[in-house]
Amino acid sequence: MQVHALDKANLITDVQLGNHLSHAVTQGRRSDFALMLALLSGDATETTPLNPTYPEKTTDAMLRQALELPEPNRLAAEEIDYELCGEQASAFHSSSITSARFNHCVTPSALHFPAHGTHDLGEDVYHNLSGHTRRQLAEEKPNLTAYDPVNLYNQLVLSKRFQELNTTV
């Protein structure tokens, strides 16, 4: 079987090769076997897609932009949310629920309003603690505002001078 080009082989199954394929395997002629196998398989560059199926990871922001969705509501409340809820409550009392709902849709507030000063514990858990445990929680997080990182070097120099004055006297 002499083929001048792979295009002209027109092989569909290994039956068309006769016993040449089996002879190549039994006699250990790897190059002949590889050639016949290449003749049987299709051209990889013709069938392989050049564009990757998933070119990049889609993020939440990209999906929101593609689907034209608004930004999600904040989960935990911030300072501005207390003012927004106050405005929504006054809109509800002065007008109706439709006015409050409209106000919420225009400027949405947070979904959860945690209690302040409970050391990241639930309000019911914090109020069930003993006074001793509450004082321990308050002592675990000391107030760090006494440190001034901007003037720390100057404070260290002054304290060293003060120490030197006390040791010489």
N, C-alpha and C. Protein backbone atom coordinates (compact mmCIF):
# COMPACT_ATOMS: atom_id res chain seq x y z
N MET A 1 0.85 -1.18 0.00
CA MET A 1 0.00 0.00 0.00
C MET A 1 0.89 1.23 0.00
N GLN A 2 0.85 1.99 -1.07
CA GLN A 2 1.65 3.19 -1.16
C GLN A 2 0.73 4.40 -1.28
N VAL A 3 0.90 5.30 -0.32
CA VAL A 3 0.10 6.53 -0.30
C VAL A 3 1.07 7.68 -0.30
N HIS A 4 0.86 8.62 -1.22
CA HIS A 4 1.77 9.77 -1.33
C HIS A 4 1.39 10.89 -0.38
N ALA A 5 0.14 10.99 0.01
CA ALA A 5 -0.31 12.04 0.92
C ALA A 5 -1.36 11.46 1.85
N LEU A 6 -1.42 12.01 3.02
CA LEU A 6 -2.40 11.51 3.99
C LEU A 6 -3.82 11.80 3.54
N ASP A 7 -4.04 12.86 2.73
CA ASP A 7 -5.38 13.21 2.26
C ASP A 7 -5.94 12.12 1.35
N LYS A 8 -5.06 11.48 0.58
CA LYS A 8 -5.52 10.52 -0.42
C LYS A 8 -5.71 9.12 0.14
N ALA A 9 -5.44 8.92 1.41
CA ALA A 9 -5.55 7.57 1.98
C ALA A 9 -7.00 7.13 2.05
N ASN A 10 -7.91 8.03 2.42
CA ASN A 10 -9.33 7.73 2.53
C ASN A 10 -9.61 6.47 3.33
N LEU A 11 -8.94 6.32 4.44
CA LEU A 11 -9.16 5.16 5.31
C LEU A 11 -10.30 5.44 6.26
N ILE A 12 -11.15 4.45 6.44
CA ILE A 12 -12.27 4.59 7.36
C ILE A 12 -12.10 3.64 8.53
N THR A 13 -11.74 2.40 8.26
CA THR A 13 -11.55 1.41 9.33
C THR A 13 -10.22 0.71 9.13
N ASP A 14 -9.84 -0.05 10.16
CA ASP A 14 -8.59 -0.79 10.07
C ASP A 14 -8.70 -2.00 9.15
N VAL A 15 -9.91 -2.37 8.73
CA VAL A 15 -10.10 -3.50 7.82
C VAL A 15 -9.49 -3.17 6.46
N GLN A 16 -9.52 -1.90 6.09
CA GLN A 16 -8.97 -1.49 4.81
C GLN A 16 -7.45 -1.67 4.76
N LEU A 17 -6.80 -1.70 5.92
CA LEU A 17 -5.35 -1.90 5.95
C LEU A 17 -4.97 -3.37 5.81
N GLY A 18 -5.94 -4.25 5.97
CA GLY A 18 -5.65 -5.69 5.87
C GLY A 18 -4.86 -6.15 7.08
N ASN A 19 -3.91 -7.04 6.82
CA ASN A 19 -3.12 -7.57 7.93
C ASN A 19 -1.84 -6.75 8.17
N HIS A 20 -1.69 -5.62 7.48
CA HIS A 20 -0.50 -4.79 7.67
C HIS A 20 -0.41 -4.24 9.09
N LEU A 21 -1.54 -3.89 9.66
CA LEU A 21 -1.57 -3.34 11.02
C LEU A 21 -1.14 -4.39 12.03
N SER A 22 -1.67 -5.58 11.91
CA SER A 22 -1.31 -6.63 12.87
C SER A 22 0.15 -7.05 12.70
N HIS A 23 0.67 -7.09 11.45
CA HIS A 23 2.08 -7.42 11.23
C HIS A 23 2.99 -6.36 11.85
N ALA A 24 2.59 -5.08 11.76
CA ALA A 24 3.40 -4.01 12.35
C ALA A 24 3.47 -4.16 13.86
N VAL A 25 2.37 -4.62 14.47
CA VAL A 25 2.36 -4.79 15.93
C VAL A 25 3.20 -5.98 16.33
N THR A 26 3.00 -7.12 15.65
CA THR A 26 3.71 -8.34 16.05
C THR A 26 5.19 -8.26 15.75
N GLN A 27 5.59 -7.56 14.72
CA GLN A 27 7.01 -7.48 14.36
C GLN A 27 7.72 -6.30 15.04
N GLY A 28 6.96 -5.50 15.79
CA GLY A 28 7.57 -4.41 16.54
C GLY A 28 7.96 -3.22 15.69
N ARG A 29 7.32 -3.03 14.55
CA ARG A 29 7.62 -1.87 13.70
C ARG A 29 6.76 -0.69 14.18
N ARG A 30 7.33 0.01 15.10
CA ARG A 30 6.57 1.09 15.74
C ARG A 30 6.27 2.23 14.77
N SER A 31 7.18 2.56 13.94
CA SER A 31 6.95 3.68 13.02
C SER A 31 5.84 3.35 12.02
N ASP A 32 5.79 2.11 11.53
CA ASP A 32 4.71 1.73 10.62
C ASP A 32 3.37 1.75 11.33
N PHE A 33 3.35 1.24 12.56
CA PHE A 33 2.11 1.24 13.34
C PHE A 33 1.64 2.68 13.58
N ALA A 34 2.57 3.56 13.93
CA ALA A 34 2.21 4.95 14.18
C ALA A 34 1.69 5.62 12.91
N LEU A 35 2.30 5.29 11.77
CA LEU A 35 1.84 5.87 10.51
C LEU A 35 0.44 5.40 10.18
N MET A 36 0.18 4.10 10.33
CA MET A 36 -1.16 3.58 10.03
C MET A 36 -2.20 4.13 10.99
N LEU A 37 -1.82 4.28 12.23
CA LEU A 37 -2.74 4.86 13.20
C LEU A 37 -3.03 6.32 12.86
N ALA A 38 -2.02 7.04 12.41
CA ALA A 38 -2.21 8.43 11.99
C ALA A 38 -3.10 8.51 10.77
N LEU A 39 -3.00 7.53 9.87
CA LEU A 39 -3.86 7.52 8.69
C LEU A 39 -5.31 7.28 9.08
N LEU A 40 -5.53 6.49 10.14
CA LEU A 40 -6.90 6.20 10.56
C LEU A 40 -7.52 7.37 11.33
N SER A 41 -6.74 8.08 12.10
CA SER A 41 -7.31 9.16 12.91
C SER A 41 -7.42 10.43 12.09
N GLY A 42 -8.37 11.25 12.47
CA GLY A 42 -8.59 12.51 11.76
C GLY A 42 -7.53 13.52 12.13
N ASP A 43 -7.47 14.58 11.36
CA ASP A 43 -6.51 15.64 11.62
C ASP A 43 -6.94 16.40 12.87
N ALA A 44 -6.05 16.48 13.84
CA ALA A 44 -6.39 17.12 15.11
C ALA A 44 -6.60 18.62 14.96
N THR A 45 -5.89 19.24 14.02
CA THR A 45 -6.05 20.69 13.85
C THR A 45 -7.36 21.05 13.17
N GLU A 46 -8.00 20.09 12.49
CA GLU A 46 -9.28 20.38 11.85
C GLU A 46 -10.43 20.29 12.83
N THR A 47 -10.31 19.43 13.84
CA THR A 47 -11.45 19.22 14.73
C THR A 47 -11.26 19.85 16.10
N THR A 48 -10.05 20.20 16.49
CA THR A 48 -9.81 20.78 17.80
C THR A 48 -10.17 22.25 17.79
N PRO A 49 -11.04 22.69 18.71
CA PRO A 49 -11.38 24.12 18.74
C PRO A 49 -10.17 24.93 19.22
N LEU A 50 -9.93 26.03 18.54
CA LEU A 50 -8.80 26.87 18.92
C LEU A 50 -9.15 27.80 20.06
N ASN A 51 -10.41 28.17 20.18
CA ASN A 51 -10.85 29.01 21.28
C ASN A 51 -11.14 28.13 22.48
N PRO A 52 -10.63 28.47 23.64
CA PRO A 52 -10.94 27.65 24.81
C PRO A 52 -12.42 27.73 25.15
N THR A 53 -12.94 26.66 25.70
CA THR A 53 -14.36 26.60 26.02
C THR A 53 -14.73 27.62 27.08
N TYR A 54 -13.93 27.69 28.14
CA TYR A 54 -14.17 28.64 29.21
C TYR A 54 -12.96 29.58 29.27
N PRO A 55 -13.00 30.71 28.56
CA PRO A 55 -11.81 31.55 28.45
C PRO A 55 -11.38 32.19 29.77
N GLU A 56 -12.31 32.55 30.63
CA GLU A 56 -11.92 33.19 31.88
C GLU A 56 -12.98 32.90 32.93
N LYS A 57 -12.57 33.04 34.17
CA LYS A 57 -13.50 32.83 35.28
C LYS A 57 -14.43 34.02 35.36
N THR A 58 -15.70 33.74 35.46
CA THR A 58 -16.65 34.83 35.59
C THR A 58 -16.79 35.18 37.06
N THR A 59 -16.76 36.44 37.33
CA THR A 59 -16.90 36.91 38.71
C THR A 59 -18.31 37.43 38.92
N ASP A 60 -18.60 37.69 40.16
CA ASP A 60 -19.92 38.20 40.52
C ASP A 60 -20.16 39.56 39.88
N ALA A 61 -19.14 40.39 39.85
CA ALA A 61 -19.29 41.72 39.25
C ALA A 61 -19.54 41.63 37.75
N MET A 62 -18.86 40.70 37.08
CA MET A 62 -19.06 40.54 35.63
C MET A 62 -20.47 40.05 35.33
N LEU A 63 -20.97 39.11 36.11
CA LEU A 63 -22.33 38.62 35.90
C LEU A 63 -23.36 39.71 36.18
N ARG A 64 -23.12 40.50 37.23
CA ARG A 64 -24.05 41.60 37.53
C ARG A 64 -24.10 42.61 36.38
N GLN A 65 -22.94 42.88 35.79
CA GLN A 65 -22.89 43.83 34.69
C GLN A 65 -23.56 43.25 33.45
N ALA A 66 -23.34 41.96 33.17
CA ALA A 66 -23.92 41.34 31.98
C ALA A 66 -25.44 41.22 32.10
N LEU A 67 -25.93 40.91 33.29
CA LEU A 67 -27.37 40.75 33.49
C LEU A 67 -28.06 42.02 33.95
N GLU A 68 -27.28 43.10 34.08
CA GLU A 68 -27.79 44.41 34.48
C GLU A 68 -28.53 44.35 35.81
N LEU A 69 -27.87 43.73 36.81
CA LEU A 69 -28.44 43.62 38.14
C LEU A 69 -27.88 44.72 39.03
N PRO A 70 -28.64 45.15 40.03
CA PRO A 70 -28.12 46.17 40.94
C PRO A 70 -27.12 45.54 41.92
N GLU A 71 -26.43 46.40 42.63
CA GLU A 71 -25.49 45.92 43.65
C GLU A 71 -26.26 45.22 44.77
N PRO A 72 -25.67 44.21 45.39
CA PRO A 72 -26.38 43.50 46.46
C PRO A 72 -26.49 44.36 47.71
N ASN A 73 -27.49 44.05 48.52
CA ASN A 73 -27.65 44.76 49.79
C ASN A 73 -26.53 44.37 50.74
N ARG A 74 -26.13 45.32 51.56
CA ARG A 74 -25.13 45.02 52.58
C ARG A 74 -25.74 44.10 53.62
N LEU A 75 -24.96 43.20 54.15
CA LEU A 75 -25.47 42.28 55.16
C LEU A 75 -25.48 42.93 56.53
N ALA A 76 -24.37 43.49 56.94
CA ALA A 76 -24.28 44.12 58.26
C ALA A 76 -24.44 45.63 58.12
N ALA A 77 -25.09 46.21 59.10
CA ALA A 77 -25.41 47.63 59.04
C ALA A 77 -24.18 48.49 59.31
N GLU A 78 -24.19 49.65 58.70
CA GLU A 78 -23.18 50.68 58.95
C GLU A 78 -23.90 51.88 59.54
N GLU A 79 -23.16 52.95 59.80
CA GLU A 79 -23.77 54.13 60.43
C GLU A 79 -24.86 54.76 59.55
N ILE A 80 -24.64 54.75 58.24
CA ILE A 80 -25.60 55.39 57.35
C ILE A 80 -26.93 54.63 57.32
N ASP A 81 -26.91 53.33 57.61
CA ASP A 81 -28.13 52.54 57.55
C ASP A 81 -29.14 52.94 58.62
N TYR A 82 -28.65 53.41 59.76
CA TYR A 82 -29.58 53.85 60.80
C TYR A 82 -30.35 55.08 60.35
N GLU A 83 -29.67 55.98 59.66
CA GLU A 83 -30.35 57.17 59.13
C GLU A 83 -31.34 56.79 58.03
N LEU A 84 -30.93 55.85 57.16
CA LEU A 84 -31.83 55.43 56.08
C LEU A 84 -33.10 54.79 56.63
N CYS A 85 -32.94 53.98 57.65
CA CYS A 85 -34.12 53.31 58.23
C CYS A 85 -35.02 54.32 58.94
N GLY A 86 -34.41 55.33 59.53
CA GLY A 86 -35.22 56.39 60.15
C GLY A 86 -36.04 57.13 59.11
N GLU A 87 -35.43 57.41 57.95
CA GLU A 87 -36.16 58.07 56.86
C GLU A 87 -37.27 57.18 56.32
N GLN A 88 -36.99 55.88 56.21
CA GLN A 88 -38.01 54.96 55.71
C GLN A 88 -39.17 54.85 56.69
N ALA A 89 -38.87 54.85 58.00
CA ALA A 89 -39.94 54.78 59.00
C ALA A 89 -40.79 56.04 58.97
N SER A 90 -40.15 57.21 58.84
CA SER A 90 -40.94 58.44 58.79
C SER A 90 -41.76 58.51 57.50
N ALA A 91 -41.23 57.96 56.40
CA ALA A 91 -42.00 57.91 55.15
C ALA A 91 -43.20 56.99 55.30
N PHE A 92 -43.02 55.90 56.04
CA PHE A 92 -44.14 54.98 56.27
C PHE A 92 -45.23 55.64 57.11
N HIS A 93 -44.84 56.37 58.15
CA HIS A 93 -45.84 56.99 59.04
C HIS A 93 -46.50 58.20 58.39
N SER A 94 -45.76 58.91 57.57
CA SER A 94 -46.36 60.11 56.97
C SER A 94 -47.16 59.79 55.71
N SER A 95 -46.71 58.83 54.92
CA SER A 95 -47.41 58.54 53.66
C SER A 95 -48.07 57.17 53.72
N SER A 96 -47.36 56.15 53.30
CA SER A 96 -47.91 54.79 53.33
C SER A 96 -46.78 53.80 53.12
N ILE A 97 -47.15 52.54 53.00
CA ILE A 97 -46.13 51.51 52.80
C ILE A 97 -45.51 51.62 51.42
N THR A 98 -46.25 52.12 50.45
CA THR A 98 -45.68 52.28 49.11
C THR A 98 -44.55 53.31 49.11
N SER A 99 -44.72 54.37 49.90
CA SER A 99 -43.66 55.38 50.00
C SER A 99 -42.43 54.81 50.69
N ALA A 100 -42.64 54.01 51.74
CA ALA A 100 -41.51 53.38 52.44
C ALA A 100 -40.81 52.38 51.53
N ARG A 101 -41.59 51.62 50.77
CA ARG A 101 -41.01 50.64 49.85
C ARG A 101 -40.23 51.34 48.74
N PHE A 102 -40.75 52.42 48.22
CA PHE A 102 -40.04 53.19 47.20
C PHE A 102 -38.74 53.74 47.76
N ASN A 103 -38.79 54.26 48.98
CA ASN A 103 -37.59 54.79 49.62
C ASN A 103 -36.55 53.69 49.81
N HIS A 104 -37.00 52.49 50.16
CA HIS A 104 -36.07 51.36 50.34
C HIS A 104 -35.47 50.93 49.00
N CYS A 105 -36.26 50.96 47.94
CA CYS A 105 -35.73 50.56 46.63
C CYS A 105 -34.72 51.56 46.09
N VAL A 106 -34.91 52.83 46.39
CA VAL A 106 -33.99 53.85 45.91
C VAL A 106 -32.67 53.79 46.67
N THR A 107 -32.74 53.71 47.99
CA THR A 107 -31.53 53.61 48.82
C THR A 107 -31.72 52.45 49.78
N PRO A 108 -31.29 51.23 49.38
CA PRO A 108 -31.51 50.06 50.24
C PRO A 108 -30.64 50.10 51.49
N SER A 109 -31.20 49.62 52.56
CA SER A 109 -30.45 49.55 53.82
C SER A 109 -29.95 48.13 54.03
N ALA A 110 -29.19 47.93 55.07
CA ALA A 110 -28.60 46.62 55.35
C ALA A 110 -29.68 45.63 55.78
N LEU A 111 -29.34 44.35 55.71
CA LEU A 111 -30.29 43.31 56.07
C LEU A 111 -30.24 42.95 57.55
N HIS A 112 -29.12 43.23 58.21
CA HIS A 112 -28.96 42.83 59.61
C HIS A 112 -28.39 44.01 60.39
N PHE A 113 -28.98 44.30 61.52
CA PHE A 113 -28.53 45.37 62.39
C PHE A 113 -28.03 44.77 63.69
N PRO A 114 -26.73 44.45 63.77
CA PRO A 114 -26.22 43.85 65.00
C PRO A 114 -26.16 44.87 66.12
N ALA A 115 -26.22 44.39 67.35
CA ALA A 115 -26.13 45.27 68.50
C ALA A 115 -24.70 45.75 68.68
N HIS A 116 -24.56 47.00 69.13
CA HIS A 116 -23.23 47.56 69.36
C HIS A 116 -22.75 47.19 70.75
N GLY A 117 -21.45 46.99 70.89
CA GLY A 117 -20.85 46.76 72.20
C GLY A 117 -21.09 45.37 72.77
N THR A 118 -21.34 44.39 71.93
CA THR A 118 -21.56 43.03 72.44
C THR A 118 -20.39 42.11 72.12
N HIS A 119 -19.27 42.69 71.67
CA HIS A 119 -18.04 41.93 71.38
C HIS A 119 -18.30 40.82 70.37
N ASP A 120 -19.01 41.13 69.31
CA ASP A 120 -19.32 40.21 68.21
C ASP A 120 -20.10 38.98 68.66
N LEU A 121 -20.80 39.08 69.75
CA LEU A 121 -21.70 38.02 70.20
C LEU A 121 -23.13 38.44 69.90
N GLY A 122 -24.01 37.46 69.83
CA GLY A 122 -25.41 37.79 69.65
C GLY A 122 -25.93 38.54 70.87
N GLU A 123 -26.93 39.37 70.66
CA GLU A 123 -27.44 40.19 71.76
C GLU A 123 -28.00 39.33 72.88
N ASP A 124 -28.71 38.26 72.54
CA ASP A 124 -29.27 37.39 73.57
C ASP A 124 -28.17 36.66 74.34
N VAL A 125 -27.10 36.28 73.66
CA VAL A 125 -25.99 35.60 74.34
C VAL A 125 -25.27 36.57 75.26
N TYR A 126 -25.02 37.79 74.78
CA TYR A 126 -24.30 38.77 75.58
C TYR A 126 -25.06 39.13 76.85
N HIS A 127 -26.37 39.28 76.76
CA HIS A 127 -27.16 39.67 77.94
C HIS A 127 -27.33 38.52 78.92
N ASN A 128 -27.06 37.29 78.49
CA ASN A 128 -27.12 36.15 79.41
C ASN A 128 -25.78 35.90 80.12
N LEU A 129 -24.74 36.64 79.77
CA LEU A 129 -23.44 36.49 80.43
C LEU A 129 -23.48 37.17 81.79
N SER A 130 -22.64 36.69 82.68
CA SER A 130 -22.55 37.32 84.00
C SER A 130 -21.77 38.62 83.87
N GLY A 131 -21.86 39.44 84.89
CA GLY A 131 -21.13 40.71 84.89
C GLY A 131 -19.63 40.50 84.86
N HIS A 132 -19.17 39.45 85.55
CA HIS A 132 -17.74 39.14 85.57
C HIS A 132 -17.24 38.80 84.16
N THR A 133 -18.00 37.99 83.43
CA THR A 133 -17.61 37.61 82.07
C THR A 133 -17.63 38.82 81.14
N ARG A 134 -18.59 39.72 81.33
CA ARG A 134 -18.64 40.93 80.50
C ARG A 134 -17.42 41.81 80.75
N ARG A 135 -16.99 41.92 82.01
CA ARG A 135 -15.79 42.72 82.31
C ARG A 135 -14.55 42.07 81.70
N GLN A 136 -14.49 40.73 81.73
CA GLN A 136 -13.36 40.04 81.11
C GLN A 136 -13.31 40.30 79.60
N LEU A 137 -14.47 40.29 78.95
CA LEU A 137 -14.50 40.58 77.52
C LEU A 137 -14.04 42.00 77.24
N ALA A 138 -14.40 42.94 78.10
CA ALA A 138 -14.00 44.34 77.91
C ALA A 138 -12.50 44.49 78.11
N GLU A 139 -11.90 43.71 79.01
CA GLU A 139 -10.46 43.80 79.26
C GLU A 139 -9.64 43.12 78.17
N GLU A 140 -10.21 42.15 77.46
CA GLU A 140 -9.48 41.45 76.41
C GLU A 140 -9.15 42.36 75.24
N LYS A 141 -9.97 43.33 74.98
CA LYS A 141 -9.73 44.26 73.88
C LYS A 141 -9.44 45.64 74.46
N PRO A 142 -8.19 45.89 74.84
CA PRO A 142 -7.88 47.20 75.42
C PRO A 142 -7.95 48.30 74.37
N ASN A 143 -8.14 49.49 74.85
CA ASN A 143 -8.22 50.64 73.97
C ASN A 143 -6.81 51.01 73.51
N LEU A 144 -6.55 50.96 72.22
CA LEU A 144 -5.23 51.21 71.67
C LEU A 144 -5.05 52.64 71.17
N THR A 145 -5.96 53.52 71.53
CA THR A 145 -5.83 54.89 71.03
C THR A 145 -4.74 55.66 71.76
N ALA A 146 -4.20 55.13 72.86
CA ALA A 146 -3.15 55.82 73.58
C ALA A 146 -1.86 55.83 72.78
N TYR A 147 -1.67 54.87 71.91
CA TYR A 147 -0.46 54.82 71.08
C TYR A 147 -0.62 55.75 69.89
N ASP A 148 0.42 56.50 69.65
CA ASP A 148 0.41 57.41 68.52
C ASP A 148 1.53 56.99 67.57
N PRO A 149 1.23 56.24 66.52
CA PRO A 149 2.31 55.74 65.66
C PRO A 149 3.05 56.84 64.91
N VAL A 150 2.43 57.99 64.73
CA VAL A 150 3.09 59.07 64.00
C VAL A 150 4.21 59.66 64.85
N ASN A 151 3.95 59.88 66.12
CA ASN A 151 4.93 60.52 67.00
C ASN A 151 5.63 59.51 67.91
N LEU A 152 5.63 58.26 67.54
CA LEU A 152 6.22 57.24 68.40
C LEU A 152 7.72 57.45 68.60
N TYR A 153 8.41 57.79 67.53
CA TYR A 153 9.86 58.00 67.64
C TYR A 153 10.17 59.15 68.59
N ASN A 154 9.43 60.25 68.43
CA ASN A 154 9.67 61.40 69.32
C ASN A 154 9.36 61.05 70.77
N GLN A 155 8.34 60.28 71.00
CA GLN A 155 8.02 59.87 72.37
C GLN A 155 9.10 58.98 72.95
N LEU A 156 9.68 58.09 72.14
CA LEU A 156 10.76 57.23 72.62
C LEU A 156 12.00 58.04 72.97
N VAL A 157 12.32 59.03 72.13
CA VAL A 157 13.49 59.87 72.40
C VAL A 157 13.27 60.66 73.68
N LEU A 158 12.09 61.23 73.85
CA LEU A 158 11.80 61.99 75.08
C LEU A 158 11.85 61.10 76.31
N SER A 159 11.34 59.89 76.22
CA SER A 159 11.36 59.01 77.38
C SER A 159 12.79 58.59 77.71
N LYS A 160 13.63 58.41 76.68
CA LYS A 160 15.03 58.06 76.93
C LYS A 160 15.76 59.22 77.60
N ARG A 161 15.50 60.48 77.16
CA ARG A 161 16.11 61.64 77.79
C ARG A 161 15.66 61.77 79.24
N PHE A 162 14.38 61.51 79.47
CA PHE A 162 13.85 61.59 80.82
C PHE A 162 14.51 60.53 81.72
N GLN A 163 14.73 59.34 81.14
CA GLN A 163 15.39 58.28 81.89
C GLN A 163 16.82 58.67 82.24
N GLU A 164 17.51 59.26 81.25
CA GLU A 164 18.90 59.68 81.49
C GLU A 164 18.98 60.76 82.56
N LEU A 165 18.02 61.67 82.58
CA LEU A 165 18.01 62.72 83.60
C LEU A 165 17.79 62.13 85.00
N ASN A 166 16.90 61.14 85.08
CA ASN A 166 16.62 60.54 86.38
C ASN A 166 17.79 59.70 86.89
N THR A 167 18.53 59.07 85.99
CA THR A 167 19.64 58.24 86.43
C THR A 167 20.83 59.08 86.84
N THR A 168 21.00 60.26 86.28
CA THR A 168 22.14 61.11 86.63
C THR A 168 21.90 61.87 87.91
N VAL A 169 20.69 62.11 88.30
CA VAL A 169 20.38 62.89 89.50
C VAL A 169 20.56 62.08 90.73
